[in-house]
N, C-alpha and C. Protein backbone atom coordinates (compact mmCIF):
# COMPACT_ATOMS: atom_id res chain seq x y z
N UNK A 1 -130.21 57.27 13.51
CA UNK A 1 -129.52 58.52 13.31
C UNK A 1 -130.10 59.30 12.11
N UNK A 2 -130.53 60.47 12.36
CA UNK A 2 -131.24 61.24 11.45
C UNK A 2 -130.40 62.58 11.09
N UNK A 3 -129.08 62.60 11.63
CA UNK A 3 -128.16 63.89 11.22
C UNK A 3 -128.79 65.11 11.63
N UNK A 4 -129.43 65.10 12.67
CA UNK A 4 -130.13 66.34 13.34
C UNK A 4 -131.56 66.65 13.18
N UNK A 5 -132.25 65.89 12.23
CA UNK A 5 -133.48 66.09 11.88
C UNK A 5 -134.40 65.81 13.14
N UNK A 6 -133.99 64.85 13.77
CA UNK A 6 -134.88 64.53 14.98
C UNK A 6 -134.09 64.95 16.26
N UNK A 7 -132.76 64.68 16.22
CA UNK A 7 -131.91 64.87 17.45
C UNK A 7 -131.94 66.34 17.83
N UNK A 8 -132.26 67.21 17.13
CA UNK A 8 -132.35 68.61 17.62
C UNK A 8 -133.37 68.70 18.66
N UNK A 9 -134.63 68.06 18.41
CA UNK A 9 -135.60 68.17 19.46
C UNK A 9 -135.17 67.43 20.71
N UNK A 10 -134.37 66.28 20.73
CA UNK A 10 -133.81 65.67 21.72
C UNK A 10 -133.00 66.53 22.59
N UNK A 11 -132.31 67.41 21.96
CA UNK A 11 -131.45 68.45 22.75
C UNK A 11 -132.40 69.40 23.33
N UNK A 12 -133.37 69.80 22.66
CA UNK A 12 -134.41 70.74 23.32
C UNK A 12 -135.05 70.09 24.70
N UNK A 13 -135.39 68.94 24.58
CA UNK A 13 -136.01 68.23 25.57
C UNK A 13 -135.09 68.16 26.74
N UNK A 14 -133.79 67.78 26.31
CA UNK A 14 -132.80 67.70 27.51
C UNK A 14 -132.58 68.98 28.11
N UNK A 15 -132.52 70.19 27.34
CA UNK A 15 -132.32 71.44 28.04
C UNK A 15 -133.55 71.68 28.99
N UNK A 16 -134.67 71.30 28.56
CA UNK A 16 -135.92 71.65 29.32
C UNK A 16 -135.79 70.84 30.63
N UNK A 17 -135.38 69.56 30.49
CA UNK A 17 -135.20 68.82 31.72
C UNK A 17 -134.17 69.27 32.70
N UNK A 18 -132.97 69.68 32.07
CA UNK A 18 -131.97 70.27 32.91
C UNK A 18 -132.38 71.53 33.63
N UNK A 19 -133.17 72.45 33.00
CA UNK A 19 -133.63 73.63 33.63
C UNK A 19 -134.63 73.34 34.68
N UNK A 20 -135.63 72.37 34.46
CA UNK A 20 -136.56 71.96 35.49
C UNK A 20 -135.84 71.28 36.59
N UNK A 21 -134.95 70.52 36.52
CA UNK A 21 -134.29 69.77 37.54
C UNK A 21 -133.19 70.52 38.34
N UNK A 22 -132.41 71.42 37.72
CA UNK A 22 -131.21 71.91 38.21
C UNK A 22 -131.20 73.34 38.34
N UNK A 23 -132.10 74.08 37.60
CA UNK A 23 -132.12 75.44 37.58
C UNK A 23 -130.81 76.12 37.24
N UNK A 24 -130.10 75.88 36.25
CA UNK A 24 -128.76 76.50 35.93
C UNK A 24 -128.93 77.99 35.57
N UNK A 25 -127.98 78.81 35.78
CA UNK A 25 -127.92 80.09 35.37
C UNK A 25 -127.70 80.41 33.84
N UNK A 26 -126.82 79.38 33.39
CA UNK A 26 -126.49 79.35 32.00
C UNK A 26 -126.22 77.99 31.61
N UNK A 27 -126.53 77.77 30.20
CA UNK A 27 -126.34 76.34 29.66
C UNK A 27 -125.41 76.58 28.43
N UNK A 28 -124.33 75.74 28.45
CA UNK A 28 -123.32 75.84 27.40
C UNK A 28 -123.48 74.44 26.71
N UNK A 29 -122.85 74.57 25.40
CA UNK A 29 -122.89 73.28 24.64
C UNK A 29 -121.61 73.29 24.06
N UNK A 30 -121.21 71.91 23.74
CA UNK A 30 -119.78 71.68 23.07
C UNK A 30 -120.04 70.32 22.31
N UNK A 31 -119.83 70.40 20.96
CA UNK A 31 -120.07 69.24 20.22
C UNK A 31 -119.01 69.10 19.04
N UNK A 32 -118.71 67.89 18.62
CA UNK A 32 -117.80 67.65 17.67
C UNK A 32 -118.39 66.91 16.53
N UNK A 33 -118.14 67.28 15.28
CA UNK A 33 -118.52 66.57 14.11
C UNK A 33 -120.05 66.49 14.05
N UNK A 34 -120.70 65.36 14.15
CA UNK A 34 -122.19 65.22 14.00
C UNK A 34 -122.80 65.88 15.26
N UNK A 35 -122.08 65.73 16.50
CA UNK A 35 -122.46 66.37 17.64
C UNK A 35 -122.58 67.91 17.64
N UNK A 36 -121.61 68.47 16.94
CA UNK A 36 -121.67 70.05 16.77
C UNK A 36 -122.81 70.30 15.77
N UNK A 37 -123.07 69.55 14.80
CA UNK A 37 -124.06 69.80 13.74
C UNK A 37 -125.40 69.75 14.49
N UNK A 38 -125.68 68.68 15.34
CA UNK A 38 -126.92 68.65 16.02
C UNK A 38 -127.08 69.73 16.92
N UNK A 39 -126.08 70.20 17.78
CA UNK A 39 -126.11 71.35 18.66
C UNK A 39 -126.64 72.54 17.81
N UNK A 40 -125.91 72.82 16.77
CA UNK A 40 -126.30 74.09 15.98
C UNK A 40 -127.78 73.91 15.48
N UNK A 41 -128.12 72.68 14.90
CA UNK A 41 -129.46 72.55 14.42
C UNK A 41 -130.47 72.78 15.57
N UNK A 42 -130.09 72.33 16.71
CA UNK A 42 -131.04 72.40 17.94
C UNK A 42 -131.39 74.11 18.17
N UNK A 43 -130.53 74.89 17.78
CA UNK A 43 -130.79 76.32 18.13
C UNK A 43 -132.11 76.65 17.21
N UNK A 44 -132.60 76.05 16.31
CA UNK A 44 -133.87 76.40 15.66
C UNK A 44 -134.98 76.12 16.63
N UNK A 45 -134.83 75.19 17.54
CA UNK A 45 -135.91 74.93 18.47
C UNK A 45 -135.61 75.17 19.98
N UNK A 46 -134.36 75.50 20.30
CA UNK A 46 -133.93 75.73 21.65
C UNK A 46 -133.03 77.03 21.77
N UNK A 47 -133.73 78.09 22.12
CA UNK A 47 -132.92 79.27 22.29
C UNK A 47 -132.34 79.61 23.64
N UNK A 48 -132.39 78.63 24.52
CA UNK A 48 -131.85 78.89 25.80
C UNK A 48 -130.49 78.61 26.15
N UNK A 49 -129.68 78.19 25.14
CA UNK A 49 -128.21 78.09 25.30
C UNK A 49 -127.63 79.34 25.41
N UNK A 50 -126.58 79.56 26.43
CA UNK A 50 -125.96 80.81 26.50
C UNK A 50 -124.89 80.88 25.29
N UNK A 51 -124.32 79.80 24.85
CA UNK A 51 -123.43 79.68 23.80
C UNK A 51 -123.00 78.41 23.53
N UNK A 52 -122.63 78.16 22.20
CA UNK A 52 -122.28 76.68 22.03
C UNK A 52 -120.91 76.85 21.22
N UNK A 53 -120.20 75.59 21.25
CA UNK A 53 -118.94 75.48 20.56
C UNK A 53 -119.16 74.21 19.56
N UNK A 54 -118.80 74.42 18.42
CA UNK A 54 -118.99 73.31 17.40
C UNK A 54 -117.85 73.11 16.69
N UNK A 55 -117.23 71.87 16.79
CA UNK A 55 -115.86 71.72 16.02
C UNK A 55 -116.30 70.68 14.84
N UNK A 56 -115.83 71.03 13.63
CA UNK A 56 -115.96 70.27 12.38
C UNK A 56 -117.37 69.83 12.06
N UNK A 57 -118.23 70.76 12.27
CA UNK A 57 -119.61 70.59 11.75
C UNK A 57 -119.75 70.60 10.25
N UNK A 58 -120.83 69.88 9.83
CA UNK A 58 -121.22 70.08 8.42
C UNK A 58 -122.16 71.27 8.26
N UNK A 59 -122.19 71.87 7.08
CA UNK A 59 -123.09 72.90 6.83
C UNK A 59 -124.48 72.49 6.54
N UNK A 60 -124.59 71.31 5.75
CA UNK A 60 -125.79 70.82 5.45
C UNK A 60 -125.50 69.34 5.06
N UNK A 61 -126.47 68.56 5.33
CA UNK A 61 -126.38 67.04 5.06
C UNK A 61 -126.17 66.93 3.47
N UNK A 62 -126.75 67.62 2.73
CA UNK A 62 -126.82 67.57 1.37
C UNK A 62 -125.28 67.84 0.89
N UNK A 63 -124.65 68.95 1.37
CA UNK A 63 -123.39 69.29 0.93
C UNK A 63 -122.35 68.22 1.44
N UNK A 64 -122.55 67.82 2.64
CA UNK A 64 -121.61 66.69 3.19
C UNK A 64 -121.64 65.42 2.45
N UNK A 65 -122.99 64.99 2.11
CA UNK A 65 -123.05 63.90 1.21
C UNK A 65 -122.57 63.99 -0.13
N UNK A 66 -122.63 65.07 -0.59
CA UNK A 66 -121.90 65.24 -2.13
C UNK A 66 -120.44 65.14 -1.82
N UNK A 67 -119.91 65.87 -0.76
CA UNK A 67 -118.41 65.77 -0.42
C UNK A 67 -117.99 64.24 -0.30
N UNK A 68 -118.76 63.63 0.48
CA UNK A 68 -118.37 62.15 0.89
C UNK A 68 -118.40 61.25 -0.46
N UNK A 69 -119.36 61.53 -1.23
CA UNK A 69 -119.46 60.62 -2.58
C UNK A 69 -118.40 61.10 -3.52
N UNK A 70 -117.98 62.38 -3.58
CA UNK A 70 -117.00 62.86 -4.38
C UNK A 70 -115.65 62.44 -4.16
N UNK A 71 -115.40 62.26 -2.77
CA UNK A 71 -114.03 61.78 -2.28
C UNK A 71 -113.67 60.41 -2.78
N UNK A 72 -114.76 59.53 -3.11
CA UNK A 72 -114.62 58.25 -3.65
C UNK A 72 -114.42 58.23 -5.19
N UNK A 73 -114.62 59.29 -5.82
CA UNK A 73 -114.59 59.23 -7.27
C UNK A 73 -113.23 59.71 -7.77
N UNK A 74 -112.71 59.09 -8.90
CA UNK A 74 -111.35 59.46 -9.20
C UNK A 74 -111.38 60.74 -10.22
N UNK A 75 -111.99 61.67 -9.64
CA UNK A 75 -112.13 63.10 -10.36
C UNK A 75 -111.74 64.07 -9.47
N UNK A 76 -111.63 65.42 -9.95
CA UNK A 76 -111.43 66.55 -9.15
C UNK A 76 -112.71 66.77 -8.25
N UNK A 77 -112.56 67.11 -6.96
CA UNK A 77 -113.52 67.21 -5.96
C UNK A 77 -114.71 67.93 -6.53
N UNK A 78 -114.52 69.12 -7.12
CA UNK A 78 -115.83 69.94 -7.54
C UNK A 78 -116.54 69.12 -8.70
N UNK A 79 -115.93 68.46 -9.54
CA UNK A 79 -116.65 67.83 -10.59
C UNK A 79 -117.42 66.63 -9.91
N UNK A 80 -116.76 65.90 -8.90
CA UNK A 80 -117.33 64.92 -8.21
C UNK A 80 -118.47 65.28 -7.58
N UNK A 81 -118.35 66.40 -6.85
CA UNK A 81 -119.59 66.97 -6.04
C UNK A 81 -120.74 67.14 -7.01
N UNK A 82 -120.53 67.67 -8.17
CA UNK A 82 -121.59 67.82 -9.20
C UNK A 82 -122.19 66.66 -9.64
N UNK A 83 -121.50 65.63 -9.98
CA UNK A 83 -121.86 64.26 -10.39
C UNK A 83 -122.54 63.55 -9.25
N UNK A 84 -122.22 63.78 -8.05
CA UNK A 84 -122.73 63.14 -6.84
C UNK A 84 -124.26 63.69 -6.55
N UNK A 85 -124.58 64.72 -6.97
CA UNK A 85 -125.76 65.33 -6.58
C UNK A 85 -126.98 64.62 -6.82
N UNK A 86 -127.16 64.11 -8.15
CA UNK A 86 -128.37 63.26 -8.44
C UNK A 86 -128.50 62.08 -7.46
N UNK A 87 -127.40 61.32 -7.21
CA UNK A 87 -127.41 60.24 -6.33
C UNK A 87 -127.81 60.56 -4.85
N UNK A 88 -127.35 61.81 -4.41
CA UNK A 88 -127.72 62.32 -3.14
C UNK A 88 -129.21 62.62 -3.01
N UNK A 89 -129.72 63.37 -4.10
CA UNK A 89 -131.10 63.68 -3.87
C UNK A 89 -131.97 62.45 -4.04
N UNK A 90 -131.55 61.42 -4.84
CA UNK A 90 -132.33 60.25 -4.95
C UNK A 90 -132.38 59.52 -3.59
N UNK A 91 -131.25 59.54 -2.79
CA UNK A 91 -131.15 58.92 -1.61
C UNK A 91 -132.07 59.71 -0.48
N UNK A 92 -132.08 60.97 -0.76
CA UNK A 92 -133.02 61.85 0.17
C UNK A 92 -134.36 61.59 -0.15
N UNK A 93 -134.74 61.39 -1.41
CA UNK A 93 -136.14 61.03 -1.82
C UNK A 93 -136.72 59.65 -1.28
N UNK A 94 -135.63 58.80 -1.39
CA UNK A 94 -136.07 57.43 -0.81
C UNK A 94 -136.19 57.52 0.70
N UNK A 95 -135.39 58.26 1.38
CA UNK A 95 -135.63 58.37 2.82
C UNK A 95 -136.80 58.99 3.24
N UNK A 96 -137.29 59.86 2.50
CA UNK A 96 -138.53 60.69 2.70
C UNK A 96 -139.82 59.71 2.36
N UNK A 97 -139.69 59.02 1.30
CA UNK A 97 -140.77 58.05 0.97
C UNK A 97 -140.83 56.86 1.95
N UNK A 98 -139.65 56.42 2.14
CA UNK A 98 -139.53 55.06 3.01
C UNK A 98 -139.80 55.33 4.56
N UNK A 99 -139.18 56.32 4.94
CA UNK A 99 -139.08 56.66 6.37
C UNK A 99 -139.76 57.93 6.96
N UNK A 100 -140.21 58.80 5.93
CA UNK A 100 -140.78 60.06 6.37
C UNK A 100 -139.86 61.05 6.88
N UNK A 101 -138.40 60.94 6.50
CA UNK A 101 -137.55 61.78 6.88
C UNK A 101 -137.09 62.66 5.72
N UNK A 102 -137.11 64.03 5.91
CA UNK A 102 -136.67 65.02 4.95
C UNK A 102 -135.31 65.55 5.32
N UNK A 103 -134.38 64.82 4.87
CA UNK A 103 -132.96 65.12 5.11
C UNK A 103 -132.54 66.58 4.53
N UNK A 104 -133.31 67.05 3.73
CA UNK A 104 -133.15 68.52 3.32
C UNK A 104 -133.11 69.49 4.58
N UNK A 105 -133.79 68.89 5.57
CA UNK A 105 -133.85 69.83 6.96
C UNK A 105 -132.69 69.63 7.76
N UNK A 106 -131.77 68.70 7.42
CA UNK A 106 -130.53 68.46 8.22
C UNK A 106 -129.53 69.55 7.82
N UNK A 107 -129.69 70.76 8.28
CA UNK A 107 -129.13 72.04 7.92
C UNK A 107 -128.63 72.92 8.98
N UNK A 108 -127.40 72.72 9.61
CA UNK A 108 -126.96 73.66 10.61
C UNK A 108 -126.92 75.06 9.97
N UNK A 109 -126.56 75.20 8.75
CA UNK A 109 -126.50 76.45 8.13
C UNK A 109 -127.83 77.21 8.24
N UNK A 110 -129.00 76.54 8.08
CA UNK A 110 -130.34 77.33 8.11
C UNK A 110 -130.59 77.60 9.51
N UNK A 111 -130.28 76.79 10.49
CA UNK A 111 -130.64 77.12 11.94
C UNK A 111 -129.65 78.20 12.44
N UNK A 112 -128.34 78.11 12.01
CA UNK A 112 -127.41 79.33 12.46
C UNK A 112 -127.91 80.64 11.92
N UNK A 113 -128.46 80.62 10.78
CA UNK A 113 -128.78 81.93 10.12
C UNK A 113 -129.93 82.64 10.94
N UNK A 114 -130.69 81.88 11.80
CA UNK A 114 -131.78 82.59 12.42
C UNK A 114 -131.67 82.55 13.91
N UNK A 115 -130.42 82.45 14.39
CA UNK A 115 -130.23 82.38 15.89
C UNK A 115 -129.74 83.64 16.48
N UNK A 116 -129.84 83.99 17.72
CA UNK A 116 -128.95 85.10 18.32
C UNK A 116 -128.01 84.32 19.32
N UNK A 117 -128.01 83.06 19.34
CA UNK A 117 -127.02 82.35 20.33
C UNK A 117 -125.71 82.49 19.73
N UNK A 118 -124.67 83.03 20.61
CA UNK A 118 -123.37 82.95 20.04
C UNK A 118 -122.81 81.49 19.90
N UNK A 119 -121.98 81.45 18.75
CA UNK A 119 -121.54 80.01 18.43
C UNK A 119 -120.04 80.32 17.99
N UNK A 120 -119.12 79.39 18.57
CA UNK A 120 -117.69 79.39 18.29
C UNK A 120 -117.59 78.18 17.33
N UNK A 121 -117.15 78.28 16.16
CA UNK A 121 -116.92 77.29 15.06
C UNK A 121 -115.46 77.02 15.11
N UNK A 122 -114.95 75.71 15.15
CA UNK A 122 -113.70 75.43 15.16
C UNK A 122 -113.57 74.32 13.98
N UNK A 123 -112.50 74.51 13.27
CA UNK A 123 -112.38 73.56 12.06
C UNK A 123 -110.86 73.37 11.83
N UNK A 124 -110.44 72.16 11.66
CA UNK A 124 -109.05 71.84 11.32
C UNK A 124 -108.84 72.06 9.79
N UNK A 125 -107.85 72.85 9.35
CA UNK A 125 -107.60 72.97 8.10
C UNK A 125 -107.18 71.74 7.25
N UNK A 126 -106.87 70.79 7.93
CA UNK A 126 -106.35 69.49 7.32
C UNK A 126 -107.57 68.47 7.30
N UNK A 127 -108.71 68.86 7.64
CA UNK A 127 -109.95 67.88 7.80
C UNK A 127 -110.23 67.47 6.41
N UNK A 128 -110.15 66.14 6.14
CA UNK A 128 -110.66 65.67 4.77
C UNK A 128 -111.86 65.07 4.90
N UNK A 129 -112.46 64.79 6.14
CA UNK A 129 -113.71 64.06 6.27
C UNK A 129 -114.93 65.04 6.10
N UNK A 130 -114.74 66.19 6.79
CA UNK A 130 -115.67 67.35 6.54
C UNK A 130 -114.88 68.57 6.17
N UNK A 131 -114.73 68.92 4.84
CA UNK A 131 -113.86 70.02 4.49
C UNK A 131 -114.05 71.41 5.28
N UNK A 132 -113.19 72.06 5.61
CA UNK A 132 -113.30 73.41 6.29
C UNK A 132 -114.27 74.33 5.68
N UNK A 133 -114.58 74.18 4.46
CA UNK A 133 -115.40 75.22 3.75
C UNK A 133 -116.76 74.98 4.63
N UNK A 134 -117.10 73.91 5.17
CA UNK A 134 -118.41 73.81 5.86
C UNK A 134 -118.55 74.69 6.93
N UNK A 135 -117.43 74.86 7.82
CA UNK A 135 -117.46 75.98 8.84
C UNK A 135 -117.40 77.34 8.36
N UNK A 136 -116.81 77.60 7.21
CA UNK A 136 -116.76 78.95 6.50
C UNK A 136 -118.13 79.25 6.15
N UNK A 137 -118.87 78.27 5.51
CA UNK A 137 -120.30 78.52 5.07
C UNK A 137 -121.17 78.84 6.50
N UNK A 138 -120.88 78.17 7.53
CA UNK A 138 -121.67 78.36 8.62
C UNK A 138 -121.47 79.74 9.22
N UNK A 139 -120.06 80.20 9.38
CA UNK A 139 -119.84 81.54 9.79
C UNK A 139 -120.44 82.56 8.95
N UNK A 140 -120.36 82.35 7.78
CA UNK A 140 -121.17 83.37 6.94
C UNK A 140 -122.57 83.32 6.95
N UNK A 141 -123.12 82.38 7.41
CA UNK A 141 -124.62 82.33 7.66
C UNK A 141 -125.19 83.34 8.64
N UNK A 142 -124.27 83.63 9.59
CA UNK A 142 -124.68 84.58 10.64
C UNK A 142 -123.40 85.22 11.25
N UNK A 143 -122.77 86.04 10.68
CA UNK A 143 -121.50 86.55 11.20
C UNK A 143 -121.60 87.41 12.54
N UNK A 144 -122.96 87.78 12.80
CA UNK A 144 -123.17 88.47 14.01
C UNK A 144 -122.99 87.62 15.33
N UNK A 145 -123.29 86.41 15.10
CA UNK A 145 -123.12 85.44 16.41
C UNK A 145 -122.03 84.43 16.14
N UNK A 146 -121.60 84.17 14.97
CA UNK A 146 -120.57 83.09 14.70
C UNK A 146 -119.14 83.59 14.76
N UNK A 147 -118.29 82.96 15.42
CA UNK A 147 -116.82 83.25 15.51
C UNK A 147 -116.30 81.94 14.82
N UNK A 148 -115.29 82.16 14.09
CA UNK A 148 -114.68 80.98 13.33
C UNK A 148 -113.16 80.89 13.67
N UNK A 149 -112.66 79.81 14.12
CA UNK A 149 -111.24 79.52 14.25
C UNK A 149 -110.84 78.42 13.42
N UNK A 150 -110.01 78.71 12.47
CA UNK A 150 -109.50 77.65 11.65
C UNK A 150 -108.05 77.22 12.10
N UNK A 151 -107.98 75.88 12.31
CA UNK A 151 -106.67 75.39 12.93
C UNK A 151 -105.69 74.77 12.08
N UNK A 152 -104.56 75.34 11.80
CA UNK A 152 -103.70 74.81 10.79
C UNK A 152 -103.10 73.55 11.33
N UNK A 153 -103.12 72.49 10.33
CA UNK A 153 -102.49 71.23 10.65
C UNK A 153 -103.41 70.24 11.37
N UNK A 154 -104.54 70.65 11.67
CA UNK A 154 -105.61 69.81 12.55
C UNK A 154 -106.49 69.00 11.48
N UNK A 155 -106.70 67.74 11.70
CA UNK A 155 -107.56 67.06 11.00
C UNK A 155 -109.06 67.00 11.66
N UNK A 156 -109.89 66.05 11.34
CA UNK A 156 -111.19 66.12 11.69
C UNK A 156 -111.29 65.84 13.21
N UNK A 157 -111.84 66.79 13.88
CA UNK A 157 -111.86 66.96 15.40
C UNK A 157 -110.56 66.80 15.97
N UNK A 158 -109.51 67.42 15.38
CA UNK A 158 -108.27 67.31 15.89
C UNK A 158 -107.69 68.62 16.42
N UNK A 159 -108.46 69.67 16.64
CA UNK A 159 -108.04 70.87 17.09
C UNK A 159 -107.33 70.84 18.35
N UNK A 160 -107.87 70.08 19.36
CA UNK A 160 -107.43 69.91 20.78
C UNK A 160 -105.98 69.24 20.62
N UNK A 161 -106.05 68.11 19.81
CA UNK A 161 -104.70 67.44 19.80
C UNK A 161 -103.63 68.24 19.09
N UNK A 162 -103.97 69.15 18.21
CA UNK A 162 -102.97 69.88 17.39
C UNK A 162 -102.47 71.15 18.40
N UNK A 163 -103.46 71.83 19.02
CA UNK A 163 -103.23 72.98 19.76
C UNK A 163 -104.07 73.06 21.06
N UNK A 164 -103.46 72.10 22.02
CA UNK A 164 -104.40 72.06 23.17
C UNK A 164 -104.43 73.46 24.10
N UNK A 165 -103.41 74.03 24.21
CA UNK A 165 -103.36 75.23 24.99
C UNK A 165 -104.25 76.30 24.41
N UNK A 166 -104.11 76.57 23.07
CA UNK A 166 -104.99 77.49 22.33
C UNK A 166 -106.45 77.11 22.33
N UNK A 167 -106.66 75.70 22.21
CA UNK A 167 -107.99 75.22 22.28
C UNK A 167 -108.74 75.48 23.53
N UNK A 168 -107.99 75.26 24.63
CA UNK A 168 -108.41 75.53 25.93
C UNK A 168 -108.87 77.03 26.05
N UNK A 169 -107.73 77.73 25.78
CA UNK A 169 -108.00 79.27 25.92
C UNK A 169 -109.17 79.79 25.09
N UNK A 170 -109.19 79.53 23.95
CA UNK A 170 -110.25 80.00 23.02
C UNK A 170 -111.63 79.50 23.54
N UNK A 171 -111.75 78.33 23.86
CA UNK A 171 -113.13 77.83 24.31
C UNK A 171 -113.56 78.40 25.67
N UNK A 172 -112.60 78.47 26.60
CA UNK A 172 -112.86 79.14 27.86
C UNK A 172 -113.18 80.55 27.77
N UNK A 173 -112.39 81.28 26.96
CA UNK A 173 -112.56 82.69 26.78
C UNK A 173 -113.94 82.99 26.09
N UNK A 174 -114.28 82.10 25.09
CA UNK A 174 -115.62 82.28 24.50
C UNK A 174 -116.64 82.15 25.44
N UNK A 175 -116.65 81.07 26.31
CA UNK A 175 -117.76 81.02 27.26
C UNK A 175 -117.71 82.12 28.27
N UNK A 176 -116.70 82.50 28.75
CA UNK A 176 -116.43 83.44 29.85
C UNK A 176 -116.82 84.83 29.46
N UNK A 177 -116.70 85.08 28.05
CA UNK A 177 -116.83 86.50 27.55
C UNK A 177 -118.22 86.65 26.80
N UNK A 178 -119.13 85.69 27.01
CA UNK A 178 -120.52 85.83 26.52
C UNK A 178 -121.13 87.01 27.14
N UNK A 179 -121.92 87.78 26.28
CA UNK A 179 -122.71 88.99 26.83
C UNK A 179 -123.40 88.55 28.12
N UNK A 180 -123.45 89.40 29.10
CA UNK A 180 -123.91 89.22 30.39
C UNK A 180 -125.49 89.04 30.39
N UNK A 181 -126.20 89.52 29.43
CA UNK A 181 -127.54 89.38 29.28
C UNK A 181 -128.08 88.05 28.95
N UNK A 182 -127.12 87.15 28.44
CA UNK A 182 -127.56 85.85 28.07
C UNK A 182 -127.58 85.01 29.17
N UNK A 183 -128.79 84.72 29.67
CA UNK A 183 -129.01 83.70 30.83
C UNK A 183 -130.16 82.91 30.47
N UNK A 184 -130.34 81.87 31.10
CA UNK A 184 -131.41 80.86 30.98
C UNK A 184 -132.73 81.49 31.14
N UNK A 185 -133.66 81.30 30.18
CA UNK A 185 -134.93 81.94 30.49
C UNK A 185 -136.02 80.82 30.21
N UNK A 186 -136.93 81.04 31.03
CA UNK A 186 -138.03 79.79 30.86
C UNK A 186 -138.64 80.03 29.42
N UNK A 187 -139.07 78.93 28.88
CA UNK A 187 -139.71 78.91 27.64
C UNK A 187 -141.29 78.87 27.73
């Protein structure tokens, strides 16, 4: 697992296969947590999605790693995040030297900033694994294409369990109301 660094290209190849084999009019994506982050990151190399839904994605692996380290420290979260930064960057440096992986590139925020694909971001306000600020950052990266739904009382990937009717309505409305000009185009 490379947190989207390599998986984004896997999604691109999957979409290419799907188009070649089934000739769909539109392609939609839905991912939760890491799956949502990978889908968003794939937008940097895969423009043929008509729209994607991502629940509880991280904004960048660096930010998520600092959050995860900080939650283990007996300090206020913001102080813990600052203290975690050197350890995170050291781990990223090790991964780059040892495995040739640049985890600085694991950034849904960077991919979302440069896409024209509509994205529905869903995040539970009670998510302690990936704080809701990650989806707020994502939405701010490209407000022209991103829509954000924050779900009160929902934990990590818990929007459907907390509000099943509203989840279904919002996701289906999002897909059904995409602009008509967005259709699969050959690359």
